[in-house]
Amino acid sequence: MNEVKAKHYVDTIIHITDSLLRRIKSELRQKFDDINSDITSEQFVVLDTISCYPNIYQQKLSSILMKDKSNITRIIRILESKEFITKKVGNKDGRLVYFLSITKKGEQIIDLVMPKIKKCITDMFESVSDEEIELLHSLSKKFDKDLHNVN
């Protein structure tokens, strides 16, 4: 892309993407409430991310999810009180950190909720083909790479 062709900010890929993501997240939060599980959508995202990265530490989790440390701390406390995760003190680059791991109970809630979430996503984007999804993934990676190269 050599030049932004949009006449107004609201026509840029930045605004369109931001608006779309906000609407998707809002819709998923509403659908999540309908699932009526013992976990909120925000807690589920943190729990699922911990399951993807065994022994992840809080700072890395904050970075991946782009959430501030205090918000992640609050969610971790809740997940720990529900016995969905455990914290283990360890050493990372000479610093003491808490490594987070998912428990069996945490795995069970993911197994219970994930099929319902997948169905919601499938239903929301029923008119989008697999090829278009792949293209979106490819473009997203390209945008991300370009953003990392910005001075």
N, C-alpha and C. Protein backbone atom coordinates (compact mmCIF):
# COMPACT_ATOMS: atom_id res chain seq x y z
N MET A 1 0.86 -1.16 0.00
CA MET A 1 0.00 0.00 0.00
C MET A 1 0.91 1.23 0.00
N ASN A 2 0.85 1.98 -1.03
CA ASN A 2 1.70 3.16 -1.14
C ASN A 2 1.09 4.38 -0.48
N GLU A 3 -0.21 4.52 -0.58
CA GLU A 3 -0.87 5.72 -0.06
C GLU A 3 -2.25 5.33 0.45
N VAL A 4 -2.64 5.94 1.57
CA VAL A 4 -3.99 5.71 2.09
C VAL A 4 -4.97 6.41 1.16
N LYS A 5 -5.89 5.65 0.62
CA LYS A 5 -6.83 6.20 -0.36
C LYS A 5 -8.13 6.72 0.29
N ALA A 6 -8.31 6.41 1.57
CA ALA A 6 -9.52 6.85 2.27
C ALA A 6 -9.53 8.36 2.42
N LYS A 7 -10.69 8.93 2.20
CA LYS A 7 -10.83 10.38 2.34
C LYS A 7 -10.96 10.78 3.81
N HIS A 8 -11.58 9.90 4.61
CA HIS A 8 -11.83 10.19 6.02
C HIS A 8 -11.33 9.03 6.88
N TYR A 9 -11.03 9.35 8.13
CA TYR A 9 -10.55 8.33 9.06
C TYR A 9 -11.52 7.15 9.15
N VAL A 10 -12.81 7.43 9.17
CA VAL A 10 -13.81 6.37 9.32
C VAL A 10 -13.80 5.40 8.14
N ASP A 11 -13.14 5.78 7.04
CA ASP A 11 -13.02 4.90 5.88
C ASP A 11 -11.71 4.13 5.86
N THR A 12 -10.85 4.34 6.85
CA THR A 12 -9.55 3.66 6.87
C THR A 12 -9.68 2.24 7.40
N ILE A 13 -8.72 1.41 7.07
CA ILE A 13 -8.68 0.03 7.55
C ILE A 13 -8.58 0.01 9.08
N ILE A 14 -7.97 1.01 9.66
CA ILE A 14 -7.82 1.08 11.12
C ILE A 14 -9.19 1.21 11.78
N HIS A 15 -9.98 2.16 11.32
CA HIS A 15 -11.30 2.36 11.93
C HIS A 15 -12.23 1.17 11.63
N ILE A 16 -12.22 0.71 10.42
CA ILE A 16 -13.09 -0.41 10.04
C ILE A 16 -12.76 -1.65 10.86
N THR A 17 -11.48 -1.95 11.01
CA THR A 17 -11.06 -3.12 11.79
C THR A 17 -11.41 -2.95 13.26
N ASP A 18 -11.13 -1.78 13.81
CA ASP A 18 -11.44 -1.52 15.21
C ASP A 18 -12.93 -1.66 15.48
N SER A 19 -13.73 -1.07 14.62
CA SER A 19 -15.19 -1.14 14.77
C SER A 19 -15.68 -2.58 14.68
N LEU A 20 -15.18 -3.32 13.73
CA LEU A 20 -15.57 -4.71 13.56
C LEU A 20 -15.19 -5.55 14.78
N LEU A 21 -13.98 -5.38 15.26
CA LEU A 21 -13.54 -6.16 16.42
C LEU A 21 -14.35 -5.84 17.67
N ARG A 22 -14.69 -4.58 17.85
CA ARG A 22 -15.53 -4.21 19.00
C ARG A 22 -16.90 -4.86 18.91
N ARG A 23 -17.47 -4.87 17.72
CA ARG A 23 -18.79 -5.49 17.54
C ARG A 23 -18.72 -7.01 17.75
N ILE A 24 -17.66 -7.63 17.25
CA ILE A 24 -17.49 -9.08 17.44
C ILE A 24 -17.36 -9.39 18.93
N LYS A 25 -16.51 -8.65 19.63
CA LYS A 25 -16.32 -8.90 21.07
C LYS A 25 -17.62 -8.69 21.84
N SER A 26 -18.36 -7.66 21.49
CA SER A 26 -19.63 -7.40 22.16
C SER A 26 -20.61 -8.55 21.93
N GLU A 27 -20.69 -9.00 20.70
CA GLU A 27 -21.58 -10.12 20.36
C GLU A 27 -21.17 -11.39 21.10
N LEU A 28 -19.87 -11.65 21.15
CA LEU A 28 -19.40 -12.85 21.85
C LEU A 28 -19.67 -12.76 23.35
N ARG A 29 -19.50 -11.57 23.92
CA ARG A 29 -19.81 -11.41 25.36
C ARG A 29 -21.28 -11.71 25.63
N GLN A 30 -22.16 -11.21 24.76
CA GLN A 30 -23.59 -11.48 24.93
C GLN A 30 -23.89 -12.96 24.79
N LYS A 31 -23.31 -13.59 23.79
CA LYS A 31 -23.52 -15.03 23.58
C LYS A 31 -22.95 -15.81 24.76
N PHE A 32 -21.82 -15.35 25.27
CA PHE A 32 -21.19 -16.02 26.39
C PHE A 32 -22.09 -16.00 27.61
N ASP A 33 -22.75 -14.88 27.83
CA ASP A 33 -23.68 -14.77 28.96
C ASP A 33 -24.82 -15.78 28.82
N ASP A 34 -25.24 -16.05 27.57
CA ASP A 34 -26.31 -17.01 27.32
C ASP A 34 -25.88 -18.45 27.62
N ILE A 35 -24.58 -18.71 27.53
CA ILE A 35 -24.06 -20.06 27.78
C ILE A 35 -24.28 -20.45 29.23
N ASN A 36 -24.26 -19.43 30.12
CA ASN A 36 -24.56 -19.65 31.53
C ASN A 36 -23.57 -20.62 32.17
N SER A 37 -22.30 -20.34 32.01
CA SER A 37 -21.27 -21.17 32.65
C SER A 37 -20.79 -20.49 33.91
N ASP A 38 -19.87 -21.11 34.59
CA ASP A 38 -19.35 -20.59 35.85
C ASP A 38 -18.14 -19.68 35.60
N ILE A 39 -18.13 -19.00 34.44
CA ILE A 39 -16.97 -18.20 34.07
C ILE A 39 -17.42 -17.09 33.11
N THR A 40 -16.81 -15.92 33.25
CA THR A 40 -17.14 -14.83 32.33
C THR A 40 -16.31 -14.97 31.05
N SER A 41 -16.68 -14.21 30.03
CA SER A 41 -15.94 -14.27 28.77
C SER A 41 -14.49 -13.82 28.97
N GLU A 42 -14.30 -12.79 29.77
CA GLU A 42 -12.95 -12.29 30.04
C GLU A 42 -12.11 -13.34 30.77
N GLN A 43 -12.71 -14.00 31.74
CA GLN A 43 -12.01 -15.06 32.47
C GLN A 43 -11.69 -16.24 31.54
N PHE A 44 -12.64 -16.54 30.65
CA PHE A 44 -12.44 -17.65 29.73
C PHE A 44 -11.26 -17.38 28.79
N VAL A 45 -11.14 -16.16 28.30
CA VAL A 45 -10.03 -15.82 27.40
C VAL A 45 -8.69 -16.02 28.11
N VAL A 46 -8.62 -15.57 29.35
CA VAL A 46 -7.38 -15.74 30.13
C VAL A 46 -7.12 -17.23 30.37
N LEU A 47 -8.14 -17.97 30.78
CA LEU A 47 -7.99 -19.40 31.03
C LEU A 47 -7.55 -20.14 29.77
N ASP A 48 -8.18 -19.85 28.66
CA ASP A 48 -7.83 -20.51 27.40
C ASP A 48 -6.40 -20.18 26.97
N THR A 49 -5.99 -18.94 27.19
CA THR A 49 -4.62 -18.54 26.84
C THR A 49 -3.62 -19.27 27.71
N ILE A 50 -3.92 -19.41 28.99
CA ILE A 50 -3.04 -20.17 29.89
C ILE A 50 -2.93 -21.62 29.41
N SER A 51 -4.05 -22.16 28.93
CA SER A 51 -4.01 -23.55 28.45
C SER A 51 -3.16 -23.69 27.19
N CYS A 52 -3.05 -22.62 26.42
CA CYS A 52 -2.23 -22.64 25.20
C CYS A 52 -0.73 -22.52 25.49
N TYR A 53 -0.40 -21.91 26.62
CA TYR A 53 0.99 -21.64 26.98
C TYR A 53 1.26 -22.20 28.38
N PRO A 54 1.54 -23.49 28.48
CA PRO A 54 1.81 -24.09 29.80
C PRO A 54 2.94 -23.35 30.53
N ASN A 55 2.73 -23.11 31.80
CA ASN A 55 3.68 -22.40 32.66
C ASN A 55 4.00 -20.99 32.18
N ILE A 56 3.01 -20.32 31.64
CA ILE A 56 3.16 -18.92 31.25
C ILE A 56 3.23 -18.09 32.53
N TYR A 57 3.90 -16.96 32.46
CA TYR A 57 3.95 -16.07 33.61
C TYR A 57 3.11 -14.83 33.32
N GLN A 58 2.76 -14.13 34.37
CA GLN A 58 1.77 -13.06 34.29
C GLN A 58 2.14 -11.96 33.29
N GLN A 59 3.38 -11.52 33.28
CA GLN A 59 3.77 -10.44 32.37
C GLN A 59 3.60 -10.87 30.91
N LYS A 60 3.96 -12.10 30.60
CA LYS A 60 3.80 -12.61 29.24
C LYS A 60 2.31 -12.71 28.89
N LEU A 61 1.51 -13.17 29.82
CA LEU A 61 0.06 -13.26 29.62
C LEU A 61 -0.52 -11.87 29.34
N SER A 62 -0.10 -10.88 30.12
CA SER A 62 -0.55 -9.50 29.91
C SER A 62 -0.19 -9.02 28.51
N SER A 63 1.01 -9.35 28.08
CA SER A 63 1.48 -8.93 26.77
C SER A 63 0.68 -9.60 25.64
N ILE A 64 0.46 -10.88 25.74
CA ILE A 64 -0.28 -11.62 24.70
C ILE A 64 -1.70 -11.09 24.58
N LEU A 65 -2.35 -10.86 25.73
CA LEU A 65 -3.75 -10.44 25.72
C LEU A 65 -3.92 -8.92 25.65
N MET A 66 -2.81 -8.20 25.69
CA MET A 66 -2.83 -6.74 25.64
C MET A 66 -3.74 -6.16 26.71
N LYS A 67 -3.57 -6.67 27.93
CA LYS A 67 -4.31 -6.19 29.09
C LYS A 67 -3.32 -5.76 30.15
N ASP A 68 -3.69 -4.76 30.94
CA ASP A 68 -2.77 -4.29 31.96
C ASP A 68 -2.63 -5.32 33.08
N LYS A 69 -1.51 -5.21 33.77
CA LYS A 69 -1.15 -6.20 34.79
C LYS A 69 -2.20 -6.29 35.90
N SER A 70 -2.77 -5.17 36.32
CA SER A 70 -3.75 -5.20 37.41
C SER A 70 -5.01 -5.96 37.00
N ASN A 71 -5.43 -5.81 35.77
CA ASN A 71 -6.60 -6.54 35.26
C ASN A 71 -6.31 -8.04 35.23
N ILE A 72 -5.14 -8.40 34.73
CA ILE A 72 -4.74 -9.81 34.68
C ILE A 72 -4.63 -10.38 36.09
N THR A 73 -4.07 -9.61 37.02
CA THR A 73 -3.95 -10.06 38.42
C THR A 73 -5.33 -10.37 39.00
N ARG A 74 -6.28 -9.48 38.75
CA ARG A 74 -7.65 -9.67 39.26
C ARG A 74 -8.25 -10.96 38.69
N ILE A 75 -8.11 -11.17 37.41
CA ILE A 75 -8.69 -12.36 36.76
C ILE A 75 -7.99 -13.63 37.25
N ILE A 76 -6.67 -13.57 37.40
CA ILE A 76 -5.92 -14.73 37.88
C ILE A 76 -6.40 -15.12 39.28
N ARG A 77 -6.63 -14.13 40.15
CA ARG A 77 -7.13 -14.42 41.50
C ARG A 77 -8.47 -15.15 41.45
N ILE A 78 -9.34 -14.68 40.56
CA ILE A 78 -10.66 -15.30 40.43
C ILE A 78 -10.52 -16.73 39.92
N LEU A 79 -9.72 -16.92 38.87
CA LEU A 79 -9.54 -18.26 38.30
C LEU A 79 -8.90 -19.21 39.31
N GLU A 80 -7.99 -18.68 40.10
CA GLU A 80 -7.35 -19.49 41.14
C GLU A 80 -8.35 -19.86 42.23
N SER A 81 -9.21 -18.92 42.62
CA SER A 81 -10.21 -19.21 43.66
C SER A 81 -11.23 -20.24 43.18
N LYS A 82 -11.47 -20.28 41.88
CA LYS A 82 -12.39 -21.27 41.31
C LYS A 82 -11.69 -22.61 41.01
N GLU A 83 -10.40 -22.64 41.33
CA GLU A 83 -9.56 -23.83 41.13
C GLU A 83 -9.44 -24.22 39.66
N PHE A 84 -9.44 -23.21 38.77
CA PHE A 84 -9.25 -23.44 37.34
C PHE A 84 -7.77 -23.37 36.96
N ILE A 85 -6.97 -22.67 37.77
CA ILE A 85 -5.53 -22.55 37.53
C ILE A 85 -4.77 -22.67 38.84
N THR A 86 -3.47 -22.89 38.72
CA THR A 86 -2.58 -22.85 39.87
C THR A 86 -1.44 -21.90 39.55
N LYS A 87 -0.88 -21.31 40.61
CA LYS A 87 0.30 -20.44 40.49
C LYS A 87 1.46 -21.14 41.19
N LYS A 88 2.62 -21.05 40.55
CA LYS A 88 3.81 -21.66 41.13
C LYS A 88 4.94 -20.64 41.01
N VAL A 89 5.59 -20.32 42.13
CA VAL A 89 6.69 -19.36 42.13
C VAL A 89 7.88 -20.00 41.42
N GLY A 90 8.49 -19.20 40.54
CA GLY A 90 9.67 -19.67 39.82
C GLY A 90 10.59 -18.52 39.50
N ASN A 91 11.63 -18.82 38.75
CA ASN A 91 12.64 -17.83 38.41
C ASN A 91 12.66 -17.64 36.90
N LYS A 92 12.58 -16.40 36.46
CA LYS A 92 12.63 -16.06 35.02
C LYS A 92 13.63 -14.92 34.86
N ASP A 93 14.74 -15.19 34.23
CA ASP A 93 15.77 -14.17 34.00
C ASP A 93 16.20 -13.49 35.29
N GLY A 94 16.38 -14.29 36.34
CA GLY A 94 16.84 -13.76 37.62
C GLY A 94 15.76 -13.07 38.46
N ARG A 95 14.52 -13.14 38.01
CA ARG A 95 13.41 -12.52 38.74
C ARG A 95 12.44 -13.60 39.20
N LEU A 96 11.82 -13.37 40.36
CA LEU A 96 10.78 -14.27 40.82
C LEU A 96 9.49 -13.95 40.07
N VAL A 97 8.86 -14.97 39.52
CA VAL A 97 7.60 -14.80 38.81
C VAL A 97 6.66 -15.93 39.21
N TYR A 98 5.38 -15.73 38.93
CA TYR A 98 4.40 -16.77 39.13
C TYR A 98 4.13 -17.44 37.78
N PHE A 99 4.40 -18.73 37.71
CA PHE A 99 4.06 -19.49 36.52
C PHE A 99 2.64 -20.02 36.69
N LEU A 100 1.86 -19.90 35.65
CA LEU A 100 0.45 -20.27 35.71
C LEU A 100 0.21 -21.55 34.94
N SER A 101 -0.59 -22.44 35.53
CA SER A 101 -0.94 -23.70 34.88
C SER A 101 -2.43 -23.95 35.04
N ILE A 102 -2.98 -24.59 34.05
CA ILE A 102 -4.40 -24.93 34.09
C ILE A 102 -4.58 -26.24 34.87
N THR A 103 -5.67 -26.33 35.61
CA THR A 103 -5.97 -27.55 36.36
C THR A 103 -6.93 -28.43 35.55
N LYS A 104 -7.19 -29.62 36.06
CA LYS A 104 -8.19 -30.50 35.42
C LYS A 104 -9.55 -29.82 35.37
N LYS A 105 -9.90 -29.16 36.45
CA LYS A 105 -11.18 -28.44 36.50
C LYS A 105 -11.21 -27.33 35.45
N GLY A 106 -10.08 -26.65 35.25
CA GLY A 106 -9.98 -25.63 34.22
C GLY A 106 -10.12 -26.23 32.83
N GLU A 107 -9.49 -27.37 32.61
CA GLU A 107 -9.61 -28.07 31.32
C GLU A 107 -11.07 -28.47 31.05
N GLN A 108 -11.74 -28.89 32.10
CA GLN A 108 -13.14 -29.30 31.96
C GLN A 108 -14.04 -28.14 31.54
N ILE A 109 -13.79 -26.95 32.12
CA ILE A 109 -14.63 -25.80 31.76
C ILE A 109 -14.35 -25.39 30.31
N ILE A 110 -13.09 -25.47 29.89
CA ILE A 110 -12.76 -25.17 28.49
C ILE A 110 -13.46 -26.17 27.57
N ASP A 111 -13.40 -27.46 27.93
CA ASP A 111 -14.05 -28.49 27.11
C ASP A 111 -15.57 -28.30 27.05
N LEU A 112 -16.13 -27.75 28.11
CA LEU A 112 -17.57 -27.51 28.15
C LEU A 112 -17.97 -26.28 27.31
N VAL A 113 -17.18 -25.22 27.41
CA VAL A 113 -17.53 -23.94 26.81
C VAL A 113 -17.07 -23.80 25.36
N MET A 114 -15.89 -24.32 25.03
CA MET A 114 -15.31 -24.09 23.71
C MET A 114 -16.21 -24.51 22.54
N PRO A 115 -16.86 -25.66 22.59
CA PRO A 115 -17.75 -26.01 21.47
C PRO A 115 -18.87 -24.99 21.26
N LYS A 116 -19.37 -24.42 22.35
CA LYS A 116 -20.43 -23.41 22.26
C LYS A 116 -19.89 -22.12 21.66
N ILE A 117 -18.67 -21.75 22.03
CA ILE A 117 -18.04 -20.55 21.49
C ILE A 117 -17.78 -20.74 19.99
N LYS A 118 -17.28 -21.90 19.62
CA LYS A 118 -17.02 -22.18 18.20
C LYS A 118 -18.30 -22.10 17.39
N LYS A 119 -19.40 -22.60 17.95
CA LYS A 119 -20.67 -22.54 17.24
C LYS A 119 -21.12 -21.09 17.06
N CYS A 120 -20.95 -20.28 18.10
CA CYS A 120 -21.30 -18.86 18.00
C CYS A 120 -20.50 -18.18 16.90
N ILE A 121 -19.22 -18.44 16.85
CA ILE A 121 -18.36 -17.83 15.83
C ILE A 121 -18.76 -18.32 14.45
N THR A 122 -19.02 -19.61 14.31
CA THR A 122 -19.45 -20.16 13.03
C THR A 122 -20.75 -19.52 12.58
N ASP A 123 -21.70 -19.38 13.50
CA ASP A 123 -22.98 -18.76 13.17
C ASP A 123 -22.83 -17.30 12.78
N MET A 124 -21.94 -16.58 13.48
CA MET A 124 -21.76 -15.15 13.20
C MET A 124 -21.19 -14.92 11.80
N PHE A 125 -20.39 -15.86 11.33
CA PHE A 125 -19.70 -15.66 10.05
C PHE A 125 -20.05 -16.74 9.04
N GLU A 126 -21.31 -17.12 9.02
CA GLU A 126 -21.75 -18.19 8.12
C GLU A 126 -21.58 -17.83 6.64
N SER A 127 -21.56 -16.55 6.30
CA SER A 127 -21.42 -16.16 4.89
C SER A 127 -19.96 -16.03 4.46
N VAL A 128 -19.03 -16.24 5.39
CA VAL A 128 -17.60 -16.10 5.08
C VAL A 128 -17.03 -17.49 4.78
N SER A 129 -16.37 -17.62 3.64
CA SER A 129 -15.82 -18.92 3.23
C SER A 129 -14.51 -19.22 3.96
N ASP A 130 -14.10 -20.48 3.94
CA ASP A 130 -12.83 -20.88 4.53
C ASP A 130 -11.67 -20.15 3.85
N GLU A 131 -11.77 -19.97 2.55
CA GLU A 131 -10.72 -19.27 1.80
C GLU A 131 -10.61 -17.81 2.25
N GLU A 132 -11.75 -17.19 2.50
CA GLU A 132 -11.74 -15.80 2.97
C GLU A 132 -11.15 -15.69 4.38
N ILE A 133 -11.44 -16.68 5.20
CA ILE A 133 -10.85 -16.71 6.55
C ILE A 133 -9.33 -16.83 6.45
N GLU A 134 -8.87 -17.72 5.57
CA GLU A 134 -7.42 -17.89 5.37
C GLU A 134 -6.79 -16.59 4.86
N LEU A 135 -7.48 -15.92 3.95
CA LEU A 135 -6.98 -14.64 3.43
C LEU A 135 -6.89 -13.62 4.56
N LEU A 136 -7.90 -13.58 5.42
CA LEU A 136 -7.87 -12.65 6.55
C LEU A 136 -6.70 -12.95 7.47
N HIS A 137 -6.46 -14.24 7.75
CA HIS A 137 -5.30 -14.62 8.57
C HIS A 137 -4.00 -14.15 7.92
N SER A 138 -3.88 -14.38 6.64
CA SER A 138 -2.68 -14.00 5.90
C SER A 138 -2.48 -12.48 5.92
N LEU A 139 -3.54 -11.73 5.67
CA LEU A 139 -3.45 -10.28 5.69
C LEU A 139 -3.12 -9.76 7.09
N SER A 140 -3.71 -10.37 8.11
CA SER A 140 -3.44 -9.96 9.49
C SER A 140 -1.97 -10.13 9.83
N LYS A 141 -1.40 -11.26 9.41
CA LYS A 141 0.03 -11.50 9.66
C LYS A 141 0.88 -10.48 8.91
N LYS A 142 0.47 -10.15 7.70
CA LYS A 142 1.20 -9.16 6.91
C LYS A 142 1.14 -7.78 7.57
N PHE A 143 -0.05 -7.38 8.01
CA PHE A 143 -0.19 -6.10 8.71
C PHE A 143 0.67 -6.08 9.97
N ASP A 144 0.63 -7.18 10.73
CA ASP A 144 1.40 -7.26 11.97
C ASP A 144 2.90 -7.13 11.68
N LYS A 145 3.36 -7.82 10.66
CA LYS A 145 4.78 -7.74 10.27
C LYS A 145 5.15 -6.31 9.90
N ASP A 146 4.29 -5.66 9.10
CA ASP A 146 4.56 -4.27 8.71
C ASP A 146 4.59 -3.34 9.92
N LEU A 147 3.70 -3.57 10.87
CA LEU A 147 3.68 -2.74 12.08
C LEU A 147 4.97 -2.90 12.89
N HIS A 148 5.51 -4.10 12.89
CA HIS A 148 6.78 -4.33 13.61
C HIS A 148 7.96 -3.66 12.91
N ASN A 149 7.81 -3.35 11.63
CA ASN A 149 8.89 -2.71 10.87
C ASN A 149 8.79 -1.19 10.86
N VAL A 150 7.73 -0.63 11.47
CA VAL A 150 7.56 0.81 11.52
C VAL A 150 8.59 1.39 12.49
N ASN A 151 9.22 2.47 12.09
CA ASN A 151 10.25 3.08 12.96
C ASN A 151 9.63 3.90 14.04
